[in-house]
Amino acid sequence: MGAFSTETLRQGIEGDKAAHLLSLYADDAELRIVDRNTQPSNPRVLHGRSEIGELLEDVYSRDIKAHKLEKCIMQGDQVAYTESCEYADGVRVFAESMITLRDGKIAEQIMLQAWDE
């Protein structure tokens, strides 16, 4: 996929395979997820491409109608973006992420997400 860019991120998020998005992460990347179930005092923390890959494989195996990168701002080695997802059953998810890049790969990501109840 080449150097990291907002278009590279869009292709990873909107693609149909977890491997595309996973390829953007550094081997030792860390992903912190804060949502209704994993609140700020106890976020879900995934370490390394292996753990992050398991999550992405699960997400991309679901019956998703649409997954879209909404807005994205890149400044130096910092990227902030919003994404939306709609499942075939109509449930929607909205997420905001702040990522830190190292050598063109995602080294650290903090994601806040909200699901339809």
C-alpha atoms as a PDB file:
ATOM      1  CA  MET A   1       0.000   0.000   0.000  1.00  0.00           C
ATOM      2  CA  GLY A   2       3.001   2.350   0.166  1.00  0.00           C
ATOM      3  CA  ALA A   3       3.494   5.342   2.482  1.00  0.00           C
ATOM      4  CA  PHE A   4       0.782   6.175   5.008  1.00  0.00           C
ATOM      5  CA  SER A   5      -1.802   8.655   3.748  1.00  0.00           C
ATOM      6  CA  THR A   6      -5.441   9.411   4.380  1.00  0.00           C
ATOM      7  CA  GLU A   7      -6.262   7.531   1.163  1.00  0.00           C
ATOM      8  CA  THR A   8      -4.303   4.496   2.398  1.00  0.00           C
ATOM      9  CA  LEU A   9      -6.307   4.620   5.628  1.00  0.00           C
ATOM     10  CA  ARG A  10      -9.579   4.919   3.674  1.00  0.00           C
ATOM     11  CA  GLN A  11      -8.694   1.880   1.574  1.00  0.00           C
ATOM     12  CA  GLY A  12      -7.892  -0.106   4.725  1.00  0.00           C
ATOM     13  CA  ILE A  13     -11.085   0.834   6.578  1.00  0.00           C
ATOM     14  CA  GLU A  14     -13.434   0.556   3.614  1.00  0.00           C
ATOM     15  CA  GLY A  15     -11.823  -2.591   2.230  1.00  0.00           C
ATOM     16  CA  ASP A  16     -13.333  -6.032   2.594  1.00  0.00           C
ATOM     17  CA  LYS A  17     -10.399  -7.792   4.257  1.00  0.00           C
ATOM     18  CA  ALA A  18      -8.868  -7.314   7.702  1.00  0.00           C
ATOM     19  CA  ALA A  19      -5.380  -7.814   6.230  1.00  0.00           C
ATOM     20  CA  HIS A  20      -5.559  -4.503   4.355  1.00  0.00           C
ATOM     21  CA  LEU A  21      -6.142  -2.480   7.516  1.00  0.00           C
ATOM     22  CA  LEU A  22      -3.815  -4.650   9.617  1.00  0.00           C
ATOM     23  CA  SER A  23      -0.958  -3.923   7.195  1.00  0.00           C
ATOM     24  CA  LEU A  24      -1.016  -0.287   8.397  1.00  0.00           C
ATOM     25  CA  TYR A  25      -0.016  -1.255  11.961  1.00  0.00           C
ATOM     26  CA  ALA A  26       3.523  -1.557  13.327  1.00  0.00           C
ATOM     27  CA  ASP A  27       4.442  -4.982  14.728  1.00  0.00           C
ATOM     28  CA  ASP A  28       4.413  -3.596  18.294  1.00  0.00           C
ATOM     29  CA  ALA A  29       1.371  -1.309  17.905  1.00  0.00           C
ATOM     30  CA  GLU A  30      -0.995  -0.676  20.805  1.00  0.00           C
ATOM     31  CA  LEU A  31      -4.746  -0.144  20.419  1.00  0.00           C
ATOM     32  CA  ARG A  32      -6.845   1.182  23.336  1.00  0.00           C
ATOM     33  CA  ILE A  33     -10.621   0.960  22.948  1.00  0.00           C
ATOM     34  CA  VAL A  34     -13.057   2.911  25.106  1.00  0.00           C
ATOM     35  CA  ASP A  35     -16.776   2.225  24.807  1.00  0.00           C
ATOM     36  CA  ARG A  36     -19.820   1.325  26.883  1.00  0.00           C
ATOM     37  CA  ASN A  37     -18.296  -2.002  27.940  1.00  0.00           C
ATOM     38  CA  THR A  38     -14.664  -0.910  28.335  1.00  0.00           C
ATOM     39  CA  GLN A  39     -14.866   2.474  29.983  1.00  0.00           C
ATOM     40  CA  PRO A  40     -11.978   4.957  30.454  1.00  0.00           C
ATOM     41  CA  SER A  41     -10.887   3.518  33.812  1.00  0.00           C
ATOM     42  CA  ASN A  42     -10.548   0.045  32.278  1.00  0.00           C
ATOM     43  CA  PRO A  43     -10.158   0.254  28.471  1.00  0.00           C
ATOM     44  CA  ARG A  44      -9.607  -2.759  26.251  1.00  0.00           C
ATOM     45  CA  VAL A  45      -5.908  -2.715  25.332  1.00  0.00           C
ATOM     46  CA  LEU A  46      -4.550  -4.805  22.470  1.00  0.00           C
ATOM     47  CA  HIS A  47      -0.798  -5.241  22.080  1.00  0.00           C
ATOM     48  CA  GLY A  48       0.865  -6.056  18.777  1.00  0.00           C
ATOM     49  CA  ARG A  49      -0.364  -6.938  15.324  1.00  0.00           C
ATOM     50  CA  SER A  50      -1.414 -10.423  16.424  1.00  0.00           C
ATOM     51  CA  GLU A  51      -3.984  -9.197  18.988  1.00  0.00           C
ATOM     52  CA  ILE A  52      -5.108  -6.314  16.761  1.00  0.00           C
ATOM     53  CA  GLY A  53      -5.420  -8.753  13.854  1.00  0.00           C
ATOM     54  CA  GLU A  54      -7.745 -11.017  15.871  1.00  0.00           C
ATOM     55  CA  LEU A  55     -10.054  -8.068  16.505  1.00  0.00           C
ATOM     56  CA  LEU A  56      -9.993  -6.968  12.864  1.00  0.00           C
ATOM     57  CA  GLU A  57     -10.643 -10.522  11.615  1.00  0.00           C
ATOM     58  CA  ASP A  58     -13.696 -10.637  13.876  1.00  0.00           C
ATOM     59  CA  VAL A  59     -14.971  -7.260  12.659  1.00  0.00           C
ATOM     60  CA  TYR A  60     -14.452  -8.005   8.956  1.00  0.00           C
ATOM     61  CA  SER A  61     -16.113 -11.440   9.290  1.00  0.00           C
ATOM     62  CA  ARG A  62     -19.412  -9.812  10.327  1.00  0.00           C
ATOM     63  CA  ASP A  63     -22.331  -9.033   8.018  1.00  0.00           C
ATOM     64  CA  ILE A  64     -21.484  -5.371   7.407  1.00  0.00           C
ATOM     65  CA  LYS A  65     -23.504  -3.312   4.964  1.00  0.00           C
ATOM     66  CA  ALA A  66     -21.120  -0.326   4.927  1.00  0.00           C
ATOM     67  CA  HIS A  67     -17.891   0.745   6.621  1.00  0.00           C
ATOM     68  CA  LYS A  68     -16.806   4.307   5.862  1.00  0.00           C
ATOM     69  CA  LEU A  69     -14.024   6.694   6.761  1.00  0.00           C
ATOM     70  CA  GLU A  70     -15.955   9.903   7.443  1.00  0.00           C
ATOM     71  CA  LYS A  71     -13.390  12.599   8.250  1.00  0.00           C
ATOM     72  CA  CYS A  72      -9.639  12.457   8.575  1.00  0.00           C
ATOM     73  CA  ILE A  73      -6.985  14.988   9.530  1.00  0.00           C
ATOM     74  CA  MET A  74      -3.287  14.220   9.276  1.00  0.00           C
ATOM     75  CA  GLN A  75      -0.618  16.469  10.749  1.00  0.00           C
ATOM     76  CA  GLY A  76       2.923  15.162  10.911  1.00  0.00           C
ATOM     77  CA  ASP A  77       2.874  11.815  12.699  1.00  0.00           C
ATOM     78  CA  GLN A  78      -0.601  12.374  14.207  1.00  0.00           C
ATOM     79  CA  VAL A  79      -3.857  11.346  12.543  1.00  0.00           C
ATOM     80  CA  ALA A  80      -7.411  11.881  13.804  1.00  0.00           C
ATOM     81  CA  TYR A  81     -10.393  10.350  12.073  1.00  0.00           C
ATOM     82  CA  THR A  82     -14.023   9.314  12.390  1.00  0.00           C
ATOM     83  CA  GLU A  83     -15.544   6.214  10.901  1.00  0.00           C
ATOM     84  CA  SER A  84     -19.025   4.786  10.675  1.00  0.00           C
ATOM     85  CA  CYS A  85     -20.292   1.281  10.202  1.00  0.00           C
ATOM     86  CA  GLU A  86     -23.709  -0.127   9.450  1.00  0.00           C
ATOM     87  CA  TYR A  87     -24.510  -3.783   9.926  1.00  0.00           C
ATOM     88  CA  ALA A  88     -26.973  -5.626   7.703  1.00  0.00           C
ATOM     89  CA  ASP A  89     -29.500  -5.660  10.589  1.00  0.00           C
ATOM     90  CA  GLY A  90     -29.420  -1.838  10.747  1.00  0.00           C
ATOM     91  CA  VAL A  91     -27.244  -1.471  13.868  1.00  0.00           C
ATOM     92  CA  ARG A  92     -24.831   1.433  13.511  1.00  0.00           C
ATOM     93  CA  VAL A  93     -21.447   2.088  15.100  1.00  0.00           C
ATOM     94  CA  PHE A  94     -19.566   5.387  15.180  1.00  0.00           C
ATOM     95  CA  ALA A  95     -15.926   5.673  16.221  1.00  0.00           C
ATOM     96  CA  GLU A  96     -13.299   8.370  16.618  1.00  0.00           C
ATOM     97  CA  SER A  97      -9.604   7.545  16.666  1.00  0.00           C
ATOM     98  CA  MET A  98      -6.372   9.353  17.373  1.00  0.00           C
ATOM     99  CA  ILE A  99      -3.306   7.591  16.063  1.00  0.00           C
ATOM    100  CA  THR A 100       0.419   8.143  16.283  1.00  0.00           C
ATOM    101  CA  LEU A 101       2.588   7.024  13.392  1.00  0.00           C
ATOM    102  CA  ARG A 102       6.118   5.720  13.545  1.00  0.00           C
ATOM    103  CA  ASP A 103       8.008   5.108  10.297  1.00  0.00           C
ATOM    104  CA  GLY A 104       4.730   5.337   8.350  1.00  0.00           C
ATOM    105  CA  LYS A 105       2.923   2.701  10.445  1.00  0.00           C
ATOM    106  CA  ILE A 106       0.329   3.009  13.215  1.00  0.00           C
ATOM    107  CA  ALA A 107       2.234   2.709  16.490  1.00  0.00           C
ATOM    108  CA  GLU A 108      -0.504   3.789  18.889  1.00  0.00           C
ATOM    109  CA  GLN A 109      -4.268   4.205  18.541  1.00  0.00           C
ATOM    110  CA  ILE A 110      -6.939   5.341  20.958  1.00  0.00           C
ATOM    111  CA  MET A 111     -10.479   4.596  19.767  1.00  0.00           C
ATOM    112  CA  LEU A 112     -13.745   5.822  21.276  1.00  0.00           C
ATOM    113  CA  GLN A 113     -16.777   4.005  19.910  1.00  0.00           C
ATOM    114  CA  ALA A 114     -20.523   4.086  20.354  1.00  0.00           C
ATOM    115  CA  TRP A 115     -23.034   1.452  19.237  1.00  0.00           C
ATOM    116  CA  ASP A 116     -26.777   1.677  18.753  1.00  0.00           C
ATOM    117  CA  GLU A 117     -28.459   0.251  21.839  1.00  0.00           C
END
